[in-house]
Amino acid sequence: MTEPDVVHVPVMLDEVVQWLAPRAGMVLVDGTLGGGGHTRALAERVGPEGLVIALDRDPAAVEAAQRSLAGLPVRALHGNYCDLPEVLVEQRIDAIDGVVLDLGLSSDQLADPQRGFSFTSNGPLDLRFDPTRGESAARLINRLSAQHLADLIYVYGEERYSRRIAAAIVEQRHEHPIESAADLAELVRRAVPGPRQRIDPATRTFQALRIAVNDELKSLDIALRRLPDCLRAGARMVVISFHSLEDRPVKEAFRNDLRLQALTKKPVTAGPEELARNSRARSAKLRVAARK
């Protein structure tokens, strides 16, 4: 998708509202602001007496939210959700009544041809949430050895053909650097054998590169250790993950952290009505825990 004007549809919005149970005067955190759908719903329910702190690593998402959510009790801030304790100190907030983390991409990120998140993008293969920091995916794949590339794609993408894909990348870059998302996607499709599946063959490779350039699993691990101390007693933490590398640590933290009580024995998934209107919800898993 390359259209510039895209309406972001928040994943599992009803379930997030149900589990966080926002009420007037609450202070809540949306640690992954994105298109602002969860933030808006929470802000409308906490009312002018309450507040929603909304964080995002993507400065474009924060800038857009400051415009679209104007007039609501929202503070949209540029930052990583794993740094929430420091953010709360800066905002002079002692504790919060709930937090949601939606670990997926927003439709706006997918639609931006300059970010490289869409397989059809002829723009730069970037994949960074914050394009002002760190190394782009293009630079990463054009410098790593075949062995390191294969390991990265296998571990972060759980891709069985990682060695084939890494070899194809190295062979291609001998002729010219791989610079666009569309170029990389087509290269991966050629490298993966067998009939085409429902999911694009490039999906796992893009997932792996995105996780790597954004250090996503490290941020999640830090957040799972730090965020419970930000919650008041009884406050809830809701996490929506989209693949096993995210869901597994969330499940283990909610089960084993002595500060938390898991409220969902199994992950909550999207219902048929949502799946019919929002295909992005297909792989979403929602888990909830409460601060003891």
Protein backbone atom coordinates (compact mmCIF):
# COMPACT_ATOMS: atom_id res chain seq x y z
CA MET A 1 0.00 0.00 0.00
CA THR A 2 1.41 3.38 -0.93
CA GLU A 3 -1.48 5.80 -0.49
CA PRO A 4 -0.51 8.80 1.63
CA ASP A 5 -3.86 9.17 3.38
CA VAL A 6 -4.58 6.09 5.45
CA VAL A 7 -6.99 5.73 8.34
CA HIS A 8 -5.33 3.67 11.05
CA VAL A 9 -7.57 1.01 12.56
CA PRO A 10 -6.48 0.15 16.11
CA VAL A 11 -6.19 -3.57 16.79
CA MET A 12 -8.51 -5.08 19.44
CA LEU A 13 -9.76 -1.68 20.58
CA ASP A 14 -12.85 -3.02 22.36
CA GLU A 15 -10.76 -5.55 24.28
CA VAL A 16 -8.22 -2.90 25.33
CA VAL A 17 -11.00 -0.68 26.67
CA GLN A 18 -12.68 -3.62 28.39
CA TRP A 19 -9.53 -4.76 30.20
CA LEU A 20 -8.18 -1.32 31.15
CA ALA A 21 -11.68 -0.17 32.18
CA PRO A 22 -10.86 3.55 31.88
CA ARG A 23 -12.86 5.86 34.15
CA ALA A 24 -13.01 9.60 34.74
CA GLY A 25 -9.87 10.91 36.42
CA MET A 26 -7.61 7.96 35.65
CA VAL A 27 -4.01 8.39 34.50
CA LEU A 28 -3.23 5.88 31.75
CA VAL A 29 -0.32 5.25 29.40
CA ASP A 30 -0.36 4.20 25.76
CA GLY A 31 3.25 3.18 25.31
CA THR A 32 2.89 2.65 21.56
CA LEU A 33 0.91 5.62 20.28
CA GLY A 34 1.04 4.78 16.56
CA GLY A 35 -2.05 6.09 14.78
CA GLY A 36 -3.59 7.17 18.09
CA GLY A 37 -6.64 4.89 18.06
CA HIS A 38 -6.13 3.39 21.51
CA THR A 39 -5.05 6.75 22.91
CA ARG A 40 -8.18 8.49 21.66
CA ALA A 41 -10.54 5.87 23.09
CA LEU A 42 -8.84 5.98 26.47
CA ALA A 43 -8.67 9.79 26.57
CA GLU A 44 -12.38 10.14 25.78
CA ARG A 45 -13.17 7.92 28.75
CA VAL A 46 -10.84 9.40 31.37
CA GLY A 47 -12.23 12.85 30.56
CA PRO A 48 -10.76 16.26 31.39
CA GLU A 49 -10.05 15.17 34.97
CA GLY A 50 -7.83 12.35 33.71
CA LEU A 51 -4.78 12.05 31.47
CA VAL A 52 -3.29 9.72 28.87
CA ILE A 53 0.48 9.76 28.42
CA ALA A 54 1.14 8.55 24.86
CA LEU A 55 4.66 7.56 23.83
CA ASP A 56 6.14 6.67 20.46
CA ARG A 57 9.64 6.25 19.11
CA ASP A 58 8.44 7.61 15.76
CA PRO A 59 8.58 11.44 15.80
CA ALA A 60 6.14 11.58 12.88
CA ALA A 61 3.54 9.65 14.91
CA VAL A 62 3.92 12.05 17.83
CA GLU A 63 3.61 15.11 15.59
CA ALA A 64 0.49 13.72 13.90
CA ALA A 65 -1.10 12.84 17.25
CA GLN A 66 -0.48 16.28 18.66
CA ARG A 67 -2.68 17.58 15.85
CA SER A 68 -5.34 14.86 15.67
CA LEU A 69 -5.81 14.52 19.43
CA ALA A 70 -5.82 18.25 20.21
CA GLY A 71 -8.44 19.09 22.82
CA LEU A 72 -8.26 15.70 24.50
CA PRO A 73 -6.42 15.06 27.80
CA VAL A 74 -3.37 13.62 26.04
CA ARG A 75 0.34 14.31 26.30
CA ALA A 76 1.96 12.85 23.18
CA LEU A 77 5.68 12.45 23.78
CA HIS A 78 8.64 11.19 21.75
CA GLY A 79 10.19 8.28 23.62
CA ASN A 80 10.57 4.55 24.13
CA TYR A 81 8.04 2.80 26.36
CA CYS A 82 10.85 1.03 28.21
CA ASP A 83 11.87 4.47 29.54
CA LEU A 84 8.44 5.06 31.11
CA PRO A 85 9.80 5.44 34.69
CA GLU A 86 11.92 8.40 33.60
CA VAL A 87 9.03 9.87 31.60
CA LEU A 88 6.75 9.75 34.64
CA VAL A 89 9.37 11.51 36.76
CA GLU A 90 9.63 14.26 34.13
CA GLN A 91 5.84 14.57 34.02
CA ARG A 92 5.63 14.59 37.84
CA ILE A 93 3.41 11.51 37.96
CA ASP A 94 3.92 9.09 40.85
CA ALA A 95 2.02 6.08 39.50
CA ILE A 96 -0.44 5.16 36.74
CA ASP A 97 -3.77 3.34 36.59
CA GLY A 98 -2.96 1.23 33.54
CA VAL A 99 -0.78 0.83 30.45
CA VAL A 100 -1.24 -0.65 26.98
CA LEU A 101 1.49 -1.70 24.56
CA ASP A 102 0.47 -2.53 20.97
CA LEU A 103 3.67 -3.94 19.51
CA GLY A 104 2.53 -3.88 15.87
CA LEU A 105 3.13 -1.39 13.09
CA SER A 106 0.67 1.38 12.37
CA SER A 107 -1.03 1.79 9.00
CA ASP A 108 0.65 5.18 8.67
CA GLN A 109 4.10 3.60 8.91
CA LEU A 110 3.17 0.98 6.32
CA ALA A 111 1.83 3.64 3.98
CA ASP A 112 4.87 5.92 4.11
CA PRO A 113 7.01 5.06 1.04
CA GLN A 114 10.07 6.62 2.65
CA ARG A 115 10.12 4.18 5.58
CA GLY A 116 10.38 0.86 3.75
CA PHE A 117 7.86 -1.04 5.89
CA SER A 118 5.71 -1.96 2.88
CA PHE A 119 7.03 -4.66 0.53
CA THR A 120 5.94 -2.57 -2.46
CA SER A 121 7.84 0.56 -1.46
CA ASN A 122 10.46 1.82 -3.91
CA GLY A 123 11.65 4.25 -1.28
CA PRO A 124 14.63 3.66 1.03
CA LEU A 125 14.78 0.38 2.95
CA ASP A 126 14.86 2.04 6.35
CA LEU A 127 12.59 0.15 8.82
CA ARG A 128 13.54 2.35 11.78
CA PHE A 129 10.76 3.61 14.03
CA ASP A 130 12.90 6.66 14.72
CA PRO A 131 14.68 7.57 11.46
CA THR A 132 16.93 10.02 13.32
CA ARG A 133 18.68 7.28 15.30
CA GLY A 134 20.62 4.12 14.62
CA GLU A 135 21.34 2.20 11.44
CA SER A 136 18.88 1.64 8.58
CA ALA A 137 18.02 -1.85 7.37
CA ALA A 138 19.65 -1.09 4.00
CA ARG A 139 22.95 -0.27 5.63
CA LEU A 140 22.68 -3.37 7.82
CA ILE A 141 22.10 -5.87 5.02
CA ASN A 142 24.76 -4.31 2.80
CA ARG A 143 27.52 -4.71 5.40
CA LEU A 144 26.85 -7.92 7.39
CA SER A 145 28.48 -11.19 6.41
CA ALA A 146 26.35 -13.99 5.00
CA GLN A 147 26.68 -15.90 8.28
CA HIS A 148 25.56 -12.97 10.41
CA LEU A 149 22.70 -12.19 8.05
CA ALA A 150 21.52 -15.80 8.09
CA ASP A 151 21.66 -15.94 11.89
CA LEU A 152 19.76 -12.67 12.22
CA ILE A 153 17.01 -13.72 9.80
CA TYR A 154 16.72 -17.15 11.42
CA VAL A 155 16.60 -15.94 15.03
CA TYR A 156 14.44 -12.82 14.63
CA GLY A 157 12.38 -13.98 11.66
CA GLU A 158 12.17 -17.69 12.46
CA GLU A 159 12.85 -18.17 8.75
CA ARG A 160 13.83 -21.72 7.74
CA TYR A 161 15.39 -20.50 4.47
CA SER A 162 17.58 -17.88 6.14
CA ARG A 163 20.81 -19.18 4.61
CA ARG A 164 19.39 -19.11 1.08
CA ILE A 165 18.14 -15.58 1.62
CA ALA A 166 21.42 -14.38 3.12
CA ALA A 167 23.40 -15.89 0.24
CA ALA A 168 21.10 -14.18 -2.28
CA ILE A 169 21.55 -10.83 -0.53
CA VAL A 170 25.34 -11.12 -0.57
CA GLU A 171 25.35 -12.18 -4.22
CA GLN A 172 23.08 -9.30 -5.20
CA ARG A 173 25.06 -6.64 -3.39
CA HIS A 174 28.20 -7.61 -5.31
CA GLU A 175 26.44 -6.10 -8.35
CA HIS A 176 24.82 -3.15 -6.59
CA PRO A 177 23.57 -2.29 -3.07
CA ILE A 178 20.03 -3.28 -2.09
CA GLU A 179 18.36 0.02 -1.32
CA SER A 180 14.55 -0.33 -1.55
CA ALA A 181 11.99 -2.50 0.21
CA ALA A 182 10.59 -3.66 -3.12
CA ASP A 183 14.04 -4.84 -4.27
CA LEU A 184 14.62 -6.81 -1.09
CA ALA A 185 11.12 -8.32 -1.12
CA GLU A 186 11.53 -9.55 -4.69
CA LEU A 187 14.97 -10.98 -3.93
CA VAL A 188 13.56 -12.93 -0.95
CA ARG A 189 10.65 -14.26 -3.01
CA ARG A 190 13.10 -15.63 -5.58
CA ALA A 191 15.24 -17.21 -2.87
CA VAL A 192 12.41 -19.01 -1.05
CA PRO A 193 11.47 -22.26 -2.83
CA GLY A 194 8.06 -23.86 -3.22
CA PRO A 195 4.56 -22.59 -4.07
CA ARG A 196 3.46 -19.19 -2.86
CA GLN A 197 1.77 -19.19 0.55
CA ARG A 198 -0.95 -16.98 2.00
CA ILE A 199 1.72 -14.93 3.75
CA ASP A 200 4.26 -13.15 1.54
CA PRO A 201 7.62 -15.00 1.64
CA ALA A 202 9.35 -11.72 2.51
CA THR A 203 7.37 -11.28 5.74
CA ARG A 204 9.76 -13.08 8.08
CA THR A 205 12.87 -11.42 6.66
CA PHE A 206 11.35 -7.95 7.04
CA GLN A 207 10.28 -8.83 10.57
CA ALA A 208 13.82 -9.88 11.43
CA LEU A 209 15.40 -6.73 10.03
CA ARG A 210 12.83 -4.48 11.71
CA ILE A 211 13.42 -6.15 15.08
CA ALA A 212 17.18 -5.81 14.63
CA VAL A 213 17.39 -2.15 13.62
CA ASN A 214 14.93 -1.09 16.34
CA ASP A 215 16.24 -3.41 19.10
CA GLU A 216 12.59 -4.31 19.70
CA LEU A 217 13.04 -7.39 21.86
CA LYS A 218 15.49 -5.59 24.14
CA SER A 219 12.98 -2.76 24.63
CA LEU A 220 10.24 -5.26 25.43
CA ASP A 221 12.44 -7.14 27.89
CA ILE A 222 13.38 -3.93 29.69
CA ALA A 223 9.76 -2.79 29.77
CA LEU A 224 8.51 -6.06 31.24
CA ARG A 225 11.01 -5.65 34.08
CA ARG A 226 10.44 -1.93 34.70
CA LEU A 227 6.79 -1.12 33.97
CA PRO A 228 5.19 -3.07 36.85
CA ASP A 229 6.78 -0.65 39.31
CA CYS A 230 4.96 2.22 37.56
CA LEU A 231 1.53 0.72 38.28
CA ARG A 232 -0.70 1.39 41.27
CA ALA A 233 -2.02 -1.65 43.13
CA GLY A 234 -4.73 -3.22 40.99
CA ALA A 235 -3.70 -1.32 37.85
CA ARG A 236 -3.55 -3.36 34.67
CA MET A 237 -0.95 -3.90 31.97
CA VAL A 238 -2.21 -4.90 28.52
CA VAL A 239 0.19 -6.10 25.82
CA ILE A 240 -0.75 -6.93 22.22
CA SER A 241 1.91 -8.99 20.43
CA PHE A 242 2.05 -10.22 16.84
CA HIS A 243 4.53 -13.12 16.82
CA SER A 244 5.95 -15.69 19.21
CA LEU A 245 9.17 -13.76 19.87
CA GLU A 246 7.02 -11.06 21.50
CA ASP A 247 4.28 -13.20 23.00
CA ARG A 248 6.61 -15.67 24.73
CA PRO A 249 8.39 -13.16 27.02
CA VAL A 250 5.08 -11.43 27.81
CA LYS A 251 3.52 -14.76 28.78
CA GLU A 252 6.50 -15.68 30.97
CA ALA A 253 6.67 -12.27 32.66
CA PHE A 254 2.97 -12.21 33.46
CA ARG A 255 3.18 -15.74 34.82
CA ASN A 256 6.43 -15.48 36.81
CA ASP A 257 6.73 -11.87 37.98
CA LEU A 258 5.80 -11.80 41.67
CA ARG A 259 4.54 -8.23 41.30
CA LEU A 260 1.90 -9.27 38.77
CA GLN A 261 -1.18 -11.47 38.58
CA ALA A 262 -1.98 -12.80 35.11
CA LEU A 263 -5.66 -12.20 34.25
CA THR A 264 -5.61 -14.05 30.91
CA LYS A 265 -4.68 -17.73 31.11
CA LYS A 266 -4.64 -17.87 27.32
CA PRO A 267 -4.11 -14.95 24.94
CA VAL A 268 -7.23 -13.10 23.81
CA THR A 269 -7.57 -13.00 20.02
CA ALA A 270 -9.64 -10.86 17.67
CA GLY A 271 -13.21 -11.89 16.94
CA PRO A 272 -14.60 -12.70 13.48
CA GLU A 273 -16.12 -9.25 12.99
CA GLU A 274 -12.79 -7.50 13.57
CA LEU A 275 -10.92 -10.00 11.40
CA ALA A 276 -13.36 -9.29 8.57
CA ARG A 277 -12.62 -5.56 8.64
CA ASN A 278 -8.98 -5.52 9.78
CA SER A 279 -6.64 -8.23 8.51
CA ARG A 280 -3.83 -6.85 10.70
CA ALA A 281 -5.61 -8.32 13.72
CA ARG A 282 -5.14 -11.85 12.37
CA SER A 283 -1.97 -12.58 14.32
CA ALA A 284 -2.68 -10.34 17.35
CA LYS A 285 -2.54 -11.85 20.84
CA LEU A 286 -3.60 -9.84 23.84
CA ARG A 287 -2.49 -10.63 27.39
CA VAL A 288 -3.37 -8.83 30.61
CA ALA A 289 -1.86 -8.72 34.09
CA ALA A 290 -2.70 -6.70 37.20
CA ARG A 291 -0.33 -5.18 39.75
CA LYS A 292 -0.64 -6.95 43.08
